[in-house]
C-alpha cells in the first residue's frame, strides 16, 4: 500500500518552480527514492499509478512534470493524445529538461522521507529522459544509483553519452516496436556492452507495452515481466 500526497514543488536551476506528483510508502521511513519519467502523455493516470506501485514496493516516488515550461499539467490519457504529445516533445528543450531532472533528483534526496539512495525509471519519451538522467544528472556531484529505461525512442541518438553513465542500468525494448527498429535497439546494446551493472531485455511486444491506459499498445505479460525485473533490479541496487 502507499499514500499519494499530491504534488511536490521543485525549484528549477533557473529559479522557476514545477510540480512533481509524489507517492509515499506506508509505514515509517526513510526510504530509497525513485524519479519516474513520463511518456509523451504527461503526468497522467498511468504515471500516477506507476508511482503508487513503486511506493507500494517501498520507494518514495516522484513524477516530475517535464512539460511544465510548455504547458504545466499537460495530460492526455491514451492513444487519442498522441498528436498532442508529439507536439510537446517537438517543443521540448532538452538542455533545460536535463537540468530539470537533475533538480528533481536533488529535491528527492533532500526530502525528509528519503534515505539518500535514489534511482530513476522512464517510459517512451521518459525512457530517453531516464538515460539522460543516468548520464548527466549530478546534483551536488552525486548521480543516481540505478536507472531503468523502457523503450526510449531517442536513446540511439545519444550514444555518445554512454561512457558517462556510472550507475547500473537496465533497458527494456519490444522487438515489435514500430517506432524503434531492431537495428536501433542493437546499436544501444552494442554501445552499452561491457558496462558494469548492465541488464538488457527484449520482449515480443510493441511500443508502450507497459501502458495499461493505451489498450492498443498494452501487453500485460510483457509489462508484468518487465516490472518484476525492474523491481528486482532496484531491490538489488537501492534496497527496499
Protein backbone atom coordinates (compact mmCIF):
# COMPACT_ATOMS: atom_id res chain seq x y z
CA UNK A 1 0.00 0.00 0.00
CA UNK A 2 1.03 3.61 -0.46
CA UNK A 3 -0.12 7.11 0.26
CA UNK A 4 -0.32 9.64 -2.57
CA UNK A 5 0.31 13.02 -1.01
CA UNK A 6 -0.32 15.18 -4.03
CA UNK A 7 2.37 17.26 -5.64
CA UNK A 8 5.78 18.42 -4.50
CA UNK A 9 7.09 21.79 -5.70
CA UNK A 10 10.58 21.53 -7.18
CA UNK A 11 12.81 24.57 -7.68
CA UNK A 12 14.42 24.66 -11.12
CA UNK A 13 18.03 25.66 -11.75
CA UNK A 14 16.94 28.98 -13.26
CA UNK A 15 14.64 29.94 -10.40
CA UNK A 16 11.29 28.73 -11.67
CA UNK A 17 9.27 26.01 -9.98
CA UNK A 18 7.48 22.96 -11.26
CA UNK A 19 5.36 20.18 -9.84
CA UNK A 20 6.13 16.52 -9.28
CA UNK A 21 3.48 14.01 -8.29
CA UNK A 22 4.53 12.24 -5.10
CA UNK A 23 3.64 8.83 -3.67
CA UNK A 24 4.95 7.83 -0.24
CA UNK A 25 5.11 4.27 1.15
CA UNK A 26 3.06 3.43 4.20
CA UNK A 27 4.93 2.98 7.45
CA UNK A 28 7.97 4.69 8.83
CA UNK A 29 10.82 5.72 6.56
CA UNK A 30 13.17 6.87 5.40
CA UNK A 31 13.05 5.07 2.05
CA UNK A 32 15.07 4.90 -1.15
CA UNK A 33 13.62 7.12 -3.85
CA UNK A 34 12.65 6.83 -7.48
CA UNK A 35 12.15 9.52 -10.11
CA UNK A 36 9.61 8.31 -12.69
CA UNK A 37 9.74 9.93 -16.13
CA UNK A 38 6.55 10.39 -18.11
CA UNK A 39 5.55 9.23 -21.55
CA UNK A 40 4.52 11.87 -24.08
CA UNK A 41 1.05 11.85 -22.48
CA UNK A 42 2.26 13.81 -19.45
CA UNK A 43 1.79 13.00 -15.78
CA UNK A 44 -1.45 11.11 -16.26
CA UNK A 45 -3.32 8.28 -14.54
CA UNK A 46 -0.84 5.73 -15.84
CA UNK A 47 2.17 7.59 -14.42
CA UNK A 48 0.43 8.29 -11.12
CA UNK A 49 -0.50 4.61 -10.97
CA UNK A 50 3.11 3.59 -11.58
CA UNK A 51 4.22 5.93 -8.79
CA UNK A 52 1.71 4.24 -6.48
CA UNK A 53 3.04 0.82 -7.49
CA UNK A 54 6.60 2.00 -6.78
CA UNK A 55 5.55 3.34 -3.39
CA UNK A 56 3.76 0.08 -2.59
CA UNK A 57 7.11 -1.65 -3.24
CA UNK A 58 8.81 0.63 -0.71
CA UNK A 59 10.06 3.58 -2.77
CA UNK A 60 9.49 7.28 -2.29
CA UNK A 61 8.29 8.18 -5.79
CA UNK A 62 8.33 11.50 -7.67
CA UNK A 63 6.97 12.08 -11.18
CA UNK A 64 8.14 15.50 -12.42
CA UNK A 65 6.03 17.48 -14.89
CA UNK A 66 8.56 17.56 -17.73
CA UNK A 67 6.35 19.73 -19.98
CA UNK A 68 5.96 22.47 -17.36
CA UNK A 69 7.89 25.01 -19.44
CA UNK A 70 5.50 24.42 -22.36
CA UNK A 71 2.14 23.66 -20.72
CA UNK A 72 2.02 22.93 -16.97
CA UNK A 73 -0.13 19.93 -16.02
CA UNK A 74 -0.42 18.82 -19.66
CA UNK A 75 -2.14 15.45 -19.54
CA UNK A 76 -3.58 13.04 -22.09
CA UNK A 77 -4.95 9.62 -21.29
CA UNK A 78 -4.28 7.32 -24.22
CA UNK A 79 -3.55 6.96 -27.95
CA UNK A 80 -6.02 9.75 -28.75
CA UNK A 81 -3.50 12.22 -27.32
CA UNK A 82 -0.59 11.01 -29.44
CA UNK A 83 -0.51 14.02 -31.75
CA UNK A 84 -0.71 16.48 -28.85
CA UNK A 85 2.08 14.67 -27.04
CA UNK A 86 4.33 14.59 -30.10
CA UNK A 87 3.83 18.33 -30.48
CA UNK A 88 5.01 18.85 -26.89
CA UNK A 89 8.08 16.68 -27.48
CA UNK A 90 8.90 18.81 -30.53
CA UNK A 91 8.82 21.90 -28.32
CA UNK A 92 10.83 20.34 -25.51
CA UNK A 93 14.16 21.98 -24.60
CA UNK A 94 16.47 19.05 -23.90
CA UNK A 95 19.18 21.13 -22.23
CA UNK A 96 16.78 22.74 -19.77
CA UNK A 97 14.92 19.46 -19.37
CA UNK A 98 18.17 17.76 -18.43
CA UNK A 99 18.74 20.39 -15.77
CA UNK A 100 15.16 19.94 -14.51
CA UNK A 101 15.63 16.22 -13.98
CA UNK A 102 18.82 16.92 -12.03
CA UNK A 103 16.84 19.38 -9.89
CA UNK A 104 14.25 16.67 -9.29
CA UNK A 105 16.92 14.24 -8.10
CA UNK A 106 18.31 16.87 -5.72
CA UNK A 107 14.82 17.58 -4.39
CA UNK A 108 14.09 13.88 -3.89
CA UNK A 109 17.29 13.30 -1.94
CA UNK A 110 16.54 16.34 0.22
CA UNK A 111 13.08 15.17 1.27
CA UNK A 112 12.85 14.05 4.93
CA UNK A 113 11.31 10.75 3.80
CA UNK A 114 14.40 9.94 1.69
CA UNK A 115 17.33 7.82 2.87
CA UNK A 116 19.56 9.34 0.18
CA UNK A 117 19.66 6.44 -2.25
CA UNK A 118 17.80 7.18 -5.46
CA UNK A 119 17.17 5.80 -8.90
CA UNK A 120 15.02 6.54 -11.90
CA UNK A 121 12.75 4.80 -14.40
CA UNK A 122 11.21 6.22 -17.54
CA UNK A 123 8.89 5.15 -20.34
CA UNK A 124 8.95 6.12 -24.06
CA UNK A 125 9.92 9.83 -24.04
CA UNK A 126 10.69 9.19 -20.38
CA UNK A 127 12.91 6.27 -21.35
CA UNK A 128 15.16 8.77 -23.12
CA UNK A 129 14.99 11.07 -20.10
CA UNK A 130 15.97 8.16 -17.84
CA UNK A 131 19.05 7.52 -20.00
CA UNK A 132 19.88 11.24 -19.92
CA UNK A 133 19.32 11.18 -16.15
CA UNK A 134 21.87 8.38 -15.76
CA UNK A 135 24.43 10.13 -17.93
CA UNK A 136 24.16 13.74 -16.81
CA UNK A 137 22.29 14.27 -13.52
CA UNK A 138 24.85 15.06 -10.83
CA UNK A 139 23.31 17.44 -8.25
CA UNK A 140 25.88 18.04 -5.53
CA UNK A 141 28.22 15.80 -7.51
CA UNK A 142 26.21 12.63 -6.91
CA UNK A 143 24.35 10.86 -9.69
CA UNK A 144 21.57 8.28 -9.48
CA UNK A 145 22.33 4.86 -8.00
CA UNK A 146 20.42 2.83 -10.61
CA UNK A 147 18.31 3.61 -13.70
CA UNK A 148 15.81 1.73 -15.88
CA UNK A 149 14.83 2.83 -19.39
CA UNK A 150 11.73 1.47 -21.11
CA UNK A 151 11.65 1.75 -24.92
CA UNK A 152 13.36 5.12 -25.16
CA UNK A 153 12.92 6.00 -28.82
CA UNK A 154 15.73 8.56 -28.89
CA UNK A 155 18.43 6.71 -26.93
CA UNK A 156 20.20 5.52 -30.08
CA UNK A 157 20.78 9.18 -30.99
CA UNK A 158 22.52 9.91 -27.67
CA UNK A 159 25.03 7.08 -27.56
CA UNK A 160 27.92 9.50 -27.21
CA UNK A 161 26.75 9.84 -23.59
CA UNK A 162 27.04 6.11 -22.85
CA UNK A 163 30.53 6.46 -21.37
CA UNK A 164 29.26 8.99 -18.83
CA UNK A 165 26.87 6.54 -17.19
CA UNK A 166 28.31 5.48 -13.84
CA UNK A 167 25.42 3.56 -12.28
CA UNK A 168 23.87 0.16 -13.06
CA UNK A 169 21.34 0.50 -15.88
CA UNK A 170 18.59 -1.72 -17.30
CA UNK A 171 16.88 -1.43 -20.70
CA UNK A 172 13.52 -2.84 -21.82
CA UNK A 173 12.60 -2.93 -25.53
CA UNK A 174 9.85 -4.52 -27.60
CA UNK A 175 11.08 -6.21 -30.77
CA UNK A 176 7.75 -5.40 -32.49
CA UNK A 177 8.02 -1.67 -31.75
CA UNK A 178 7.06 0.34 -34.89
CA UNK A 179 8.84 3.42 -33.53
CA UNK A 180 12.18 1.77 -32.63
CA UNK A 181 13.58 -0.53 -35.32
CA UNK A 182 15.53 -3.54 -34.10
CA UNK A 183 18.75 -2.17 -35.59
CA UNK A 184 18.44 0.86 -33.28
CA UNK A 185 17.95 -1.47 -30.30
CA UNK A 186 21.06 -3.34 -31.45
CA UNK A 187 23.00 -0.06 -31.53
CA UNK A 188 22.08 0.72 -27.93
CA UNK A 189 23.02 -2.75 -26.74
CA UNK A 190 26.36 -2.62 -28.57
CA UNK A 191 27.20 0.82 -27.18
CA UNK A 192 26.44 -0.31 -23.63
CA UNK A 193 28.19 -3.68 -23.89
CA UNK A 194 30.62 -4.19 -21.02
CA UNK A 195 29.07 -1.52 -18.81
CA UNK A 196 29.15 -2.70 -15.19
CA UNK A 197 25.65 -3.49 -13.98
CA UNK A 198 24.08 -3.54 -17.47
CA UNK A 199 20.90 -5.59 -17.94
CA UNK A 200 19.24 -5.63 -21.37
CA UNK A 201 15.85 -7.22 -22.08
CA UNK A 202 13.78 -7.66 -25.23
CA UNK A 203 10.13 -8.71 -25.45
CA UNK A 204 7.83 -9.90 -28.22
CA UNK A 205 5.83 -6.72 -27.77
CA UNK A 206 5.31 -3.33 -29.36
CA UNK A 207 5.82 0.23 -28.17
CA UNK A 208 4.46 1.42 -24.81
CA UNK A 209 3.72 -2.18 -23.82
CA UNK A 210 3.68 -1.14 -20.15
CA UNK A 211 0.93 1.47 -20.51
CA UNK A 212 -2.34 -0.05 -19.33
CA UNK A 213 -4.22 3.11 -20.33
CA UNK A 214 -3.36 2.62 -24.02
CA UNK A 215 -5.26 -0.56 -25.00
CA UNK A 216 -3.79 -0.90 -28.50
CA UNK A 217 -0.27 -0.81 -27.04
CA UNK A 218 -0.56 -2.54 -23.67
CA UNK A 219 0.85 -6.05 -23.45
CA UNK A 220 0.21 -7.35 -19.94
CA UNK A 221 2.57 -10.37 -19.98
CA UNK A 222 5.46 -8.23 -21.18
CA UNK A 223 4.52 -5.42 -18.79
CA UNK A 224 4.35 -7.75 -15.79
CA UNK A 225 7.65 -9.42 -16.63
CA UNK A 226 9.42 -6.11 -17.18
CA UNK A 227 8.04 -4.61 -13.94
CA UNK A 228 9.12 -7.66 -11.93
CA UNK A 229 12.61 -7.35 -13.39
CA UNK A 230 12.60 -3.62 -12.68
CA UNK A 231 11.68 -4.08 -9.02
CA UNK A 232 14.25 -6.84 -8.61
CA UNK A 233 16.90 -4.57 -10.16
CA UNK A 234 16.06 -1.69 -7.83
CA UNK A 235 15.91 -4.02 -4.83
CA UNK A 236 19.45 -5.14 -5.54
CA UNK A 237 20.85 -1.67 -6.17
CA UNK A 238 18.72 0.59 -3.96
CA UNK A 239 17.23 -1.65 -1.30
CA UNK A 240 13.55 -1.61 -0.18
